[in-house]
C-alpha atoms as a PDB file:
ATOM      1  CA  MET A   1     101.634 254.449  97.185  1.00  0.00           C
ATOM      2  CA  LEU A   2     104.067 257.112  96.013  1.00  0.00           C
ATOM      3  CA  THR A   3     107.273 257.537  97.967  1.00  0.00           C
ATOM      4  CA  LYS A   4     108.530 260.901  99.161  1.00  0.00           C
ATOM      5  CA  LYS A   5     111.218 260.944  96.474  1.00  0.00           C
ATOM      6  CA  THR A   6     108.792 260.099  93.675  1.00  0.00           C
ATOM      7  CA  THR A   7     106.360 262.747  94.888  1.00  0.00           C
ATOM      8  CA  ALA A   8     109.132 265.349  94.970  1.00  0.00           C
ATOM      9  CA  TYR A   9     110.135 264.505  91.387  1.00  0.00           C
ATOM     10  CA  LEU A  10     106.533 264.623  90.152  1.00  0.00           C
ATOM     11  CA  ILE A  11     105.800 267.970  91.799  1.00  0.00           C
ATOM     12  CA  LEU A  12     109.021 269.507  90.524  1.00  0.00           C
ATOM     13  CA  THR A  13     108.387 268.231  86.981  1.00  0.00           C
ATOM     14  CA  LEU A  14     104.848 269.648  87.054  1.00  0.00           C
ATOM     15  CA  LEU A  15     106.089 273.014  88.322  1.00  0.00           C
ATOM     16  CA  LEU A  16     108.731 273.073  85.603  1.00  0.00           C
ATOM     17  CA  ALA A  17     106.156 272.362  82.877  1.00  0.00           C
ATOM     18  CA  ILE A  18     103.893 275.145  84.187  1.00  0.00           C
ATOM     19  CA  THR A  19     106.795 277.603  84.372  1.00  0.00           C
ATOM     20  CA  ILE A  20     107.901 276.780  80.811  1.00  0.00           C
ATOM     21  CA  ALA A  21     104.378 277.395  79.504  1.00  0.00           C
ATOM     22  CA  TRP A  22     104.150 280.656  81.462  1.00  0.00           C
ATOM     23  CA  ALA A  23     107.541 281.860  80.240  1.00  0.00           C
ATOM     24  CA  LEU A  24     106.718 281.140  76.596  1.00  0.00           C
ATOM     25  CA  THR A  25     103.263 282.733  76.600  1.00  0.00           C
ATOM     26  CA  SER A  26     104.031 285.824  78.699  1.00  0.00           C
ATOM     27  CA  GLY A  27     106.192 288.821  77.977  1.00  0.00           C
ATOM     28  CA  ALA A  28     106.571 292.563  77.953  1.00  0.00           C
ATOM     29  CA  SER A  29     105.126 292.768  74.437  1.00  0.00           C
ATOM     30  CA  SER A  30     101.721 291.460  75.636  1.00  0.00           C
ATOM     31  CA  LYS A  31     101.264 289.758  72.256  1.00  0.00           C
ATOM     32  CA  GLY A  32     101.044 286.217  73.568  1.00  0.00           C
ATOM     33  CA  LEU A  33     101.506 283.657  70.806  1.00  0.00           C
ATOM     34  CA  ALA A  34     100.420 286.018  68.015  1.00  0.00           C
ATOM     35  CA  ASP A  35     103.930 287.114  67.188  1.00  0.00           C
ATOM     36  CA  LEU A  36     105.767 283.940  66.202  1.00  0.00           C
ATOM     37  CA  ASN A  37     109.017 285.836  65.711  1.00  0.00           C
ATOM     38  CA  ILE A  38     109.050 286.858  69.372  1.00  0.00           C
ATOM     39  CA  LEU A  39     108.163 283.330  70.439  1.00  0.00           C
ATOM     40  CA  PHE A  40     110.731 281.423  68.384  1.00  0.00           C
ATOM     41  CA  ASN A  41     113.611 283.896  68.148  1.00  0.00           C
ATOM     42  CA  ILE A  42     113.489 285.652  71.531  1.00  0.00           C
ATOM     43  CA  ARG A  43     111.526 283.744  74.152  1.00  0.00           C
ATOM     44  CA  LEU A  44     112.336 280.167  73.163  1.00  0.00           C
ATOM     45  CA  PRO A  45     116.155 280.559  73.128  1.00  0.00           C
ATOM     46  CA  ARG A  46     115.940 282.444  76.409  1.00  0.00           C
ATOM     47  CA  VAL A  47     113.794 279.754  78.034  1.00  0.00           C
ATOM     48  CA  ILE A  48     116.060 276.934  76.829  1.00  0.00           C
ATOM     49  CA  SER A  49     119.158 278.839  77.994  1.00  0.00           C
ATOM     50  CA  ALA A  50     117.606 279.371  81.426  1.00  0.00           C
ATOM     51  CA  LEU A  51     116.769 275.677  81.724  1.00  0.00           C
ATOM     52  CA  LEU A  52     120.250 274.571  80.691  1.00  0.00           C
ATOM     53  CA  GLY A  53     122.111 277.218  82.691  1.00  0.00           C
ATOM     54  CA  GLY A  54     120.121 276.588  85.850  1.00  0.00           C
ATOM     55  CA  ALA A  55     120.663 272.834  85.587  1.00  0.00           C
ATOM     56  CA  ALA A  56     124.395 273.307  84.998  1.00  0.00           C
ATOM     57  CA  LEU A  57     124.892 275.659  87.947  1.00  0.00           C
ATOM     58  CA  ALA A  58     122.901 273.522  90.385  1.00  0.00           C
ATOM     59  CA  VAL A  59     124.789 270.324  89.522  1.00  0.00           C
ATOM     60  CA  SER A  60     128.057 272.265  89.584  1.00  0.00           C
ATOM     61  CA  GLY A  61     127.306 273.453  93.115  1.00  0.00           C
ATOM     62  CA  ALA A  62     126.414 269.942  94.271  1.00  0.00           C
ATOM     63  CA  PHE A  63     129.711 268.545  92.976  1.00  0.00           C
ATOM     64  CA  PHE A  64     131.764 271.392  94.469  1.00  0.00           C
ATOM     65  CA  GLN A  65     130.168 270.703  97.850  1.00  0.00           C
ATOM     66  CA  ALA A  66     130.817 266.968  97.557  1.00  0.00           C
ATOM     67  CA  ALA A  67     134.441 267.290  96.453  1.00  0.00           C
ATOM     68  CA  LEU A  68     135.404 270.048  98.907  1.00  0.00           C
ATOM     69  CA  ARG A  69     133.223 268.740 101.761  1.00  0.00           C
ATOM     70  CA  ASN A  70     131.940 272.261 102.140  1.00  0.00           C
ATOM     71  CA  PRO A  71     128.181 272.969 102.291  1.00  0.00           C
ATOM     72  CA  ILE A  72     128.529 276.516 100.944  1.00  0.00           C
ATOM     73  CA  ALA A  73     130.920 275.796  98.065  1.00  0.00           C
ATOM     74  CA  GLU A  74     129.408 277.299  94.926  1.00  0.00           C
ATOM     75  CA  PRO A  75     130.856 278.551  91.592  1.00  0.00           C
ATOM     76  CA  THR A  76     130.313 282.241  92.329  1.00  0.00           C
ATOM     77  CA  LEU A  77     131.585 282.184  95.914  1.00  0.00           C
ATOM     78  CA  LEU A  78     134.658 280.250  94.776  1.00  0.00           C
ATOM     79  CA  GLY A  79     135.484 282.815  92.088  1.00  0.00           C
ATOM     80  CA  ILE A  80     134.948 280.313  89.256  1.00  0.00           C
ATOM     81  CA  SER A  81     132.130 282.261  87.593  1.00  0.00           C
ATOM     82  CA  SER A  82     133.816 285.667  87.734  1.00  0.00           C
ATOM     83  CA  ALA A  83     137.060 284.206  86.349  1.00  0.00           C
ATOM     84  CA  ALA A  84     135.129 282.568  83.515  1.00  0.00           C
ATOM     85  CA  ASN A  85     133.323 285.843  82.834  1.00  0.00           C
ATOM     86  CA  LEU A  86     136.596 287.802  82.721  1.00  0.00           C
ATOM     87  CA  PHE A  87     138.265 285.388  80.326  1.00  0.00           C
ATOM     88  CA  ALA A  88     135.131 285.226  78.155  1.00  0.00           C
ATOM     89  CA  LEU A  89     135.298 289.018  77.840  1.00  0.00           C
ATOM     90  CA  ILE A  90     138.968 288.788  76.877  1.00  0.00           C
ATOM     91  CA  GLY A  91     138.193 286.070  74.330  1.00  0.00           C
ATOM     92  CA  GLY A  92     135.425 288.215  72.883  1.00  0.00           C
ATOM     93  CA  LEU A  93     137.723 291.218  72.575  1.00  0.00           C
ATOM     94  CA  LEU A  94     140.506 289.224  70.902  1.00  0.00           C
ATOM     95  CA  LEU A  95     138.294 287.178  68.568  1.00  0.00           C
ATOM     96  CA  PRO A  96     134.907 288.921  68.423  1.00  0.00           C
ATOM     97  CA  ALA A  97     133.710 286.942  65.398  1.00  0.00           C
ATOM     98  CA  LEU A  98     134.151 283.549  67.096  1.00  0.00           C
ATOM     99  CA  PHE A  99     131.727 282.763  69.893  1.00  0.00           C
ATOM    100  CA  SER A 100     133.596 279.517  70.502  1.00  0.00           C
ATOM    101  CA  ALA A 101     136.591 281.640  71.541  1.00  0.00           C
ATOM    102  CA  LYS A 102     134.521 283.020  74.419  1.00  0.00           C
ATOM    103  CA  ILE A 103     133.540 279.516  75.509  1.00  0.00           C
ATOM    104  CA  ILE A 104     137.114 278.228  75.418  1.00  0.00           C
ATOM    105  CA  ALA A 105     138.425 281.338  77.179  1.00  0.00           C
ATOM    106  CA  ALA A 106     135.738 281.038  79.863  1.00  0.00           C
ATOM    107  CA  ILE A 107     136.684 277.424  80.537  1.00  0.00           C
ATOM    108  CA  LEU A 108     140.352 278.422  80.806  1.00  0.00           C
ATOM    109  CA  GLY A 109     139.419 281.182  83.260  1.00  0.00           C
ATOM    110  CA  GLY A 110     137.371 278.811  85.366  1.00  0.00           C
ATOM    111  CA  CYS A 111     140.247 276.321  85.378  1.00  0.00           C
ATOM    112  CA  LEU A 112     142.641 279.064  86.513  1.00  0.00           C
ATOM    113  CA  ALA A 113     140.464 279.872  89.518  1.00  0.00           C
ATOM    114  CA  PHE A 114     140.010 276.160  90.216  1.00  0.00           C
ATOM    115  CA  LEU A 115     143.763 275.488  90.115  1.00  0.00           C
ATOM    116  CA  THR A 116     144.390 278.448  92.416  1.00  0.00           C
ATOM    117  CA  LEU A 117     141.955 277.059  94.973  1.00  0.00           C
ATOM    118  CA  ALA A 118     143.270 273.508  94.547  1.00  0.00           C
ATOM    119  CA  SER A 119     146.810 274.653  95.322  1.00  0.00           C
ATOM    120  CA  LEU A 120     145.597 276.217  98.578  1.00  0.00           C
ATOM    121  CA  GLN A 121     143.176 273.504  99.677  1.00  0.00           C
ATOM    122  CA  LYS A 122     145.635 271.540 101.846  1.00  0.00           C
ATOM    123  CA  ASN A 123     146.664 274.647 103.788  1.00  0.00           C
ATOM    124  CA  LEU A 124     143.200 276.043 104.484  1.00  0.00           C
ATOM    125  CA  ASP A 125     140.107 274.809 106.265  1.00  0.00           C
ATOM    126  CA  PRO A 126     136.885 274.753 104.198  1.00  0.00           C
ATOM    127  CA  TYR A 127     135.640 278.161 105.326  1.00  0.00           C
ATOM    128  CA  ARG A 128     138.953 279.936 104.777  1.00  0.00           C
ATOM    129  CA  LEU A 129     139.001 278.401 101.321  1.00  0.00           C
ATOM    130  CA  ILE A 130     135.639 280.063 100.673  1.00  0.00           C
ATOM    131  CA  LEU A 131     137.079 283.391 101.849  1.00  0.00           C
ATOM    132  CA  VAL A 132     139.899 283.017  99.331  1.00  0.00           C
ATOM    133  CA  GLY A 133     137.271 282.284  96.686  1.00  0.00           C
ATOM    134  CA  VAL A 134     135.348 285.418  97.657  1.00  0.00           C
ATOM    135  CA  ALA A 135     138.557 287.448  97.327  1.00  0.00           C
ATOM    136  CA  LEU A 136     139.234 285.919  93.896  1.00  0.00           C
ATOM    137  CA  ASN A 137     135.656 286.692  92.918  1.00  0.00           C
ATOM    138  CA  ALA A 138     136.129 290.349  93.880  1.00  0.00           C
ATOM    139  CA  VAL A 139     139.362 290.653  91.890  1.00  0.00           C
ATOM    140  CA  PHE A 140     138.047 288.933  88.759  1.00  0.00           C
ATOM    141  CA  SER A 141     134.766 290.878  88.935  1.00  0.00           C
ATOM    142  CA  ALA A 142     136.606 294.190  89.198  1.00  0.00           C
ATOM    143  CA  LEU A 143     138.786 293.337  86.200  1.00  0.00           C
ATOM    144  CA  GLY A 144     135.704 292.245  84.267  1.00  0.00           C
ATOM    145  CA  ASN A 145     133.958 295.537  85.014  1.00  0.00           C
ATOM    146  CA  LEU A 146     137.073 297.386  83.911  1.00  0.00           C
ATOM    147  CA  LEU A 147     137.051 295.605  80.544  1.00  0.00           C
ATOM    148  CA  ASN A 148     133.319 295.939  80.044  1.00  0.00           C
ATOM    149  CA  PRO A 149     131.189 297.998  82.464  1.00  0.00           C
ATOM    150  CA  ASN A 150     128.056 296.670  80.733  1.00  0.00           C
ATOM    151  CA  GLN A 151     126.750 294.095  83.189  1.00  0.00           C
ATOM    152  CA  ASN A 152     124.440 292.666  80.516  1.00  0.00           C
ATOM    153  CA  ALA A 153     127.263 291.659  78.157  1.00  0.00           C
ATOM    154  CA  PHE A 154     126.419 288.023  78.936  1.00  0.00           C
ATOM    155  CA  SER A 155     122.899 287.448  80.200  1.00  0.00           C
ATOM    156  CA  LEU A 156     119.683 285.603  79.505  1.00  0.00           C
ATOM    157  CA  ALA A 157     118.356 288.789  77.894  1.00  0.00           C
ATOM    158  CA  THR A 158     120.985 288.478  75.149  1.00  0.00           C
ATOM    159  CA  SER A 159     120.356 284.782  74.451  1.00  0.00           C
ATOM    160  CA  THR A 160     120.326 283.805  70.781  1.00  0.00           C
ATOM    161  CA  TRP A 161     120.079 280.486  69.006  1.00  0.00           C
ATOM    162  CA  THR A 162     123.868 280.555  68.599  1.00  0.00           C
ATOM    163  CA  THR A 163     124.580 280.895  72.328  1.00  0.00           C
ATOM    164  CA  THR A 164     121.804 278.449  73.151  1.00  0.00           C
ATOM    165  CA  LEU A 165     123.209 275.810  70.793  1.00  0.00           C
ATOM    166  CA  PHE A 166     126.697 276.081  72.300  1.00  0.00           C
ATOM    167  CA  LEU A 167     125.258 275.907  75.810  1.00  0.00           C
ATOM    168  CA  ALA A 168     123.055 272.934  74.921  1.00  0.00           C
ATOM    169  CA  VAL A 169     125.865 270.844  73.447  1.00  0.00           C
ATOM    170  CA  ILE A 170     128.282 271.437  76.337  1.00  0.00           C
ATOM    171  CA  THR A 171     125.727 271.235  79.139  1.00  0.00           C
ATOM    172  CA  LEU A 172     123.940 268.109  77.927  1.00  0.00           C
ATOM    173  CA  LEU A 173     127.246 266.277  77.476  1.00  0.00           C
ATOM    174  CA  ASP A 174     128.430 267.390  80.916  1.00  0.00           C
ATOM    175  CA  LEU A 175     125.156 266.410  82.572  1.00  0.00           C
ATOM    176  CA  ALA A 176     125.353 262.971  80.959  1.00  0.00           C
ATOM    177  CA  VAL A 177     128.837 262.538  82.427  1.00  0.00           C
ATOM    178  CA  ALA A 178     127.558 263.846  85.770  1.00  0.00           C
ATOM    179  CA  LEU A 179     124.891 261.144  85.867  1.00  0.00           C
ATOM    180  CA  VAL A 180     127.498 258.477  85.118  1.00  0.00           C
ATOM    181  CA  ILE A 181     129.945 259.561  87.829  1.00  0.00           C
ATOM    182  CA  SER A 182     127.320 260.561  90.423  1.00  0.00           C
ATOM    183  CA  PRO A 183     127.556 257.195  92.269  1.00  0.00           C
ATOM    184  CA  PHE A 184     131.265 257.813  92.871  1.00  0.00           C
ATOM    185  CA  ALA A 185     130.476 261.112  94.630  1.00  0.00           C
ATOM    186  CA  ASN A 186     128.857 259.029  97.372  1.00  0.00           C
ATOM    187  CA  TYR A 187     132.214 257.416  98.150  1.00  0.00           C
ATOM    188  CA  LEU A 188     133.652 260.750  99.302  1.00  0.00           C
ATOM    189  CA  LYS A 189     131.434 260.540 102.381  1.00  0.00           C
ATOM    190  CA  VAL A 190     133.284 257.513 103.780  1.00  0.00           C
ATOM    191  CA  GLY A 191     136.717 259.123 104.163  1.00  0.00           C
ATOM    192  CA  ASP A 192     139.962 258.970 102.210  1.00  0.00           C
ATOM    193  CA  ARG A 193     141.408 255.910 103.961  1.00  0.00           C
ATOM    194  CA  GLN A 194     138.326 253.829 103.319  1.00  0.00           C
ATOM    195  CA  LEU A 195     138.343 254.954  99.696  1.00  0.00           C
ATOM    196  CA  GLN A 196     141.892 253.700  99.334  1.00  0.00           C
ATOM    197  CA  THR A 197     140.940 250.330 100.798  1.00  0.00           C
ATOM    198  CA  LEU A 198     138.267 250.123  98.086  1.00  0.00           C
ATOM    199  CA  GLY A 199     140.940 250.692  95.446  1.00  0.00           C
ATOM    200  CA  LEU A 200     139.826 254.236  94.654  1.00  0.00           C
ATOM    201  CA  SER A 201     141.993 257.344  94.544  1.00  0.00           C
ATOM    202  CA  PRO A 202     140.422 260.184  96.580  1.00  0.00           C
ATOM    203  CA  LYS A 203     142.550 262.743  94.748  1.00  0.00           C
ATOM    204  CA  GLN A 204     141.555 261.561  91.275  1.00  0.00           C
ATOM    205  CA  LEU A 205     137.903 261.357  92.281  1.00  0.00           C
ATOM    206  CA  ARG A 206     137.903 264.914  93.622  1.00  0.00           C
ATOM    207  CA  ILE A 207     139.727 266.229  90.557  1.00  0.00           C
ATOM    208  CA  SER A 208     137.154 264.555  88.303  1.00  0.00           C
ATOM    209  CA  LEU A 209     134.222 266.082  90.184  1.00  0.00           C
ATOM    210  CA  LEU A 210     135.840 269.517  90.445  1.00  0.00           C
ATOM    211  CA  SER A 211     136.804 269.545  86.768  1.00  0.00           C
ATOM    212  CA  LEU A 212     133.272 268.699  85.690  1.00  0.00           C
ATOM    213  CA  ALA A 213     131.806 271.262  88.095  1.00  0.00           C
ATOM    214  CA  THR A 214     134.167 273.921  86.729  1.00  0.00           C
ATOM    215  CA  LEU A 215     133.278 273.074  83.126  1.00  0.00           C
ATOM    216  CA  LEU A 216     129.550 273.300  83.871  1.00  0.00           C
ATOM    217  CA  ALA A 217     129.881 276.661  85.616  1.00  0.00           C
ATOM    218  CA  ALA A 218     132.296 278.204  83.103  1.00  0.00           C
ATOM    219  CA  SER A 219     130.312 277.285  79.996  1.00  0.00           C
ATOM    220  CA  SER A 220     127.104 278.558  81.582  1.00  0.00           C
ATOM    221  CA  THR A 221     128.753 281.844  82.555  1.00  0.00           C
ATOM    222  CA  ALA A 222     130.120 282.373  79.032  1.00  0.00           C
ATOM    223  CA  CYS A 223     126.611 282.087  77.583  1.00  0.00           C
ATOM    224  CA  ILE A 224     124.279 283.653  80.152  1.00  0.00           C
ATOM    225  CA  GLY A 225     126.525 285.526  82.578  1.00  0.00           C
ATOM    226  CA  ILE A 226     127.194 285.272  86.308  1.00  0.00           C
ATOM    227  CA  LEU A 227     124.264 283.881  88.283  1.00  0.00           C
ATOM    228  CA  ALA A 228     124.868 283.391  91.984  1.00  0.00           C
ATOM    229  CA  PHE A 229     123.395 281.134  94.662  1.00  0.00           C
ATOM    230  CA  ILE A 230     121.718 278.540  92.414  1.00  0.00           C
ATOM    231  CA  GLY A 231     124.529 276.161  93.367  1.00  0.00           C
ATOM    232  CA  ILE A 232     123.694 276.631  97.057  1.00  0.00           C
ATOM    233  CA  ILE A 233     119.903 276.913  97.138  1.00  0.00           C
ATOM    234  CA  VAL A 234     119.051 273.918  94.954  1.00  0.00           C
ATOM    235  CA  PRO A 235     121.483 271.276  96.345  1.00  0.00           C
ATOM    236  CA  HIS A 236     120.510 272.097  99.942  1.00  0.00           C
ATOM    237  CA  HIS A 237     116.806 271.719  99.226  1.00  0.00           C
ATOM    238  CA  ALA A 238     117.511 268.553  97.246  1.00  0.00           C
ATOM    239  CA  ARG A 239     119.347 267.002 100.209  1.00  0.00           C
ATOM    240  CA  PHE A 240     116.494 267.973 102.524  1.00  0.00           C
ATOM    241  CA  LEU A 241     113.972 266.205 100.285  1.00  0.00           C
ATOM    242  CA  LEU A 242     115.979 263.238  99.000  1.00  0.00           C
ATOM    243  CA  GLY A 243     118.896 262.665 101.350  1.00  0.00           C
ATOM    244  CA  HIS A 244     122.565 262.502 100.382  1.00  0.00           C
ATOM    245  CA  ASP A 245     122.611 259.919  97.594  1.00  0.00           C
ATOM    246  CA  TYR A 246     124.103 261.691  94.573  1.00  0.00           C
ATOM    247  CA  ARG A 247     122.455 259.225  92.207  1.00  0.00           C
ATOM    248  CA  GLN A 248     119.198 260.914  93.228  1.00  0.00           C
ATOM    249  CA  LEU A 249     120.610 264.376  93.873  1.00  0.00           C
ATOM    250  CA  VAL A 250     122.163 265.039  90.456  1.00  0.00           C
ATOM    251  CA  PRO A 251     119.002 264.648  88.325  1.00  0.00           C
ATOM    252  CA  PHE A 252     116.908 266.439  90.955  1.00  0.00           C
ATOM    253  CA  CYS A 253     119.405 269.318  91.109  1.00  0.00           C
ATOM    254  CA  ALA A 254     119.300 269.587  87.313  1.00  0.00           C
ATOM    255  CA  LEU A 255     115.507 269.881  87.349  1.00  0.00           C
ATOM    256  CA  GLY A 256     115.518 272.178  90.386  1.00  0.00           C
ATOM    257  CA  GLY A 257     118.160 274.484  88.952  1.00  0.00           C
ATOM    258  CA  ALA A 258     116.275 274.708  85.662  1.00  0.00           C
ATOM    259  CA  GLU A 259     113.061 275.573  87.512  1.00  0.00           C
ATOM    260  CA  LEU A 260     114.670 278.160  89.798  1.00  0.00           C
ATOM    261  CA  LEU A 261     116.466 280.082  87.054  1.00  0.00           C
ATOM    262  CA  LEU A 262     113.555 280.019  84.613  1.00  0.00           C
ATOM    263  CA  LEU A 263     111.141 281.134  87.339  1.00  0.00           C
ATOM    264  CA  THR A 264     113.317 284.026  88.525  1.00  0.00           C
ATOM    265  CA  ASP A 265     114.033 285.126  84.948  1.00  0.00           C
ATOM    266  CA  THR A 266     110.339 285.074  84.037  1.00  0.00           C
ATOM    267  CA  ILE A 267     109.394 287.045  87.145  1.00  0.00           C
ATOM    268  CA  GLY A 268     112.132 289.548  86.347  1.00  0.00           C
ATOM    269  CA  ARG A 269     110.792 289.984  82.818  1.00  0.00           C
ATOM    270  CA  LEU A 270     107.220 290.578  83.902  1.00  0.00           C
ATOM    271  CA  VAL A 271     107.198 292.356  87.250  1.00  0.00           C
ATOM    272  CA  ILE A 272     108.081 295.834  85.904  1.00  0.00           C
ATOM    273  CA  ALA A 273     107.431 295.257  82.178  1.00  0.00           C
ATOM    274  CA  PRO A 274     108.450 296.613  79.715  1.00  0.00           C
ATOM    275  CA  ASN A 275     111.624 296.967  81.829  1.00  0.00           C
ATOM    276  CA  GLU A 276     113.356 293.966  83.366  1.00  0.00           C
ATOM    277  CA  ILE A 277     114.931 292.950  86.646  1.00  0.00           C
ATOM    278  CA  SER A 278     117.969 290.724  86.164  1.00  0.00           C
ATOM    279  CA  ALA A 279     117.545 287.162  87.384  1.00  0.00           C
ATOM    280  CA  ASN A 280     120.809 287.606  89.272  1.00  0.00           C
ATOM    281  CA  ILE A 281     119.254 290.375  91.393  1.00  0.00           C
ATOM    282  CA  ILE A 282     116.307 288.181  92.357  1.00  0.00           C
ATOM    283  CA  LEU A 283     118.629 285.258  93.077  1.00  0.00           C
ATOM    284  CA  ALA A 284     120.772 287.484  95.309  1.00  0.00           C
ATOM    285  CA  ILE A 285     117.690 288.633  97.245  1.00  0.00           C
ATOM    286  CA  ILE A 286     116.753 284.991  97.835  1.00  0.00           C
ATOM    287  CA  GLY A 287     120.222 283.496  98.147  1.00  0.00           C
ATOM    288  CA  GLY A 288     121.854 286.043 100.451  1.00  0.00           C
ATOM    289  CA  PRO A 289     119.541 285.395 103.420  1.00  0.00           C
ATOM    290  CA  PHE A 290     119.642 281.661 102.681  1.00  0.00           C
ATOM    291  CA  LEU A 291     123.446 281.657 102.889  1.00  0.00           C
ATOM    292  CA  ILE A 292     123.301 283.547 106.201  1.00  0.00           C
ATOM    293  CA  TYR A 293     120.798 280.983 107.476  1.00  0.00           C
ATOM    294  CA  ILE A 294     123.162 278.128 106.577  1.00  0.00           C
ATOM    295  CA  LEU A 295     126.133 279.819 108.240  1.00  0.00           C
ATOM    296  CA  LEU A 296     124.192 280.624 111.419  1.00  0.00           C
ATOM    297  CA  GLY A 297     122.800 277.094 111.529  1.00  0.00           C
ATOM    298  CA  ARG A 298     126.261 275.512 111.306  1.00  0.00           C
ATOM    299  CA  LYS A 299     127.605 277.917 113.943  1.00  0.00           C
ATOM    300  CA  LYS A 300     124.766 276.891 116.254  1.00  0.00           C
ATOM    301  CA  ASP A 301     125.522 273.193 115.627  1.00  0.00           C
ATOM    302  CA  ALA A 302     129.206 273.785 116.373  1.00  0.00           C
ATOM    303  CA  HIS A 303     128.386 275.267 119.796  1.00  0.00           C
ATOM    304  CA  SER A 304     125.716 272.745 120.776  1.00  0.00           C
END
């Protein structure tokens, strides 16, 4: 008899396979598989980028929540994504011929936002830390819009084999590391003093998780742009289905994030074809109410 966890994995894998097939065989051109150029040079890089980016952002959100002990910690709300986007724009302006410059600059931008939050963490409770992240997000987003008002400068719609290859190399390496260190994320639930009695450094463990989460979010943002709420929606549903064991959560979040982003991007491509709705708009429509639900639920628990 299949367990609940196995059933959840099987259903999610099946949904992902169906969504991949749908995304590859559907499009505004209505040519199906007849036009191999569209399939291999436009749809396939976009589908792969959506899978990788969604997986990266979901795992990033899960690690931010574990390290900060904050259920609504997420790359966009913390200002990580907007900082990475701003620095990627700067890198592109300074060295337009080198895409790697955008990746490196994005990682530096994400690290800057991360270090800013890390310096304030001891003085702020988890929710005030999120407010600081929201403020950082507003500042970095405004500066990014000033440099380049074109919101589609980095997006799934502009995915090429070059951007997809960079994203694949970085994301797959990061996800492999995430799987290796996922058992250690469980230790953060027992408290800092107990961690020290086990011979583990809470500070080093948090820095490791936060660094990996920042790298995942920044590299994704440099290739496919800012995509909000994946890092909240997927980890919360994963915990509901599987519990709080990060050995199970990390691979499930990777699959769930890939499914969510590919599904929203495909819907956005098709719903008003030949025009498109950005995946970020659909994610905001879904994620905004979900975030409110989480906040209201925790407020209710606090008063009960």
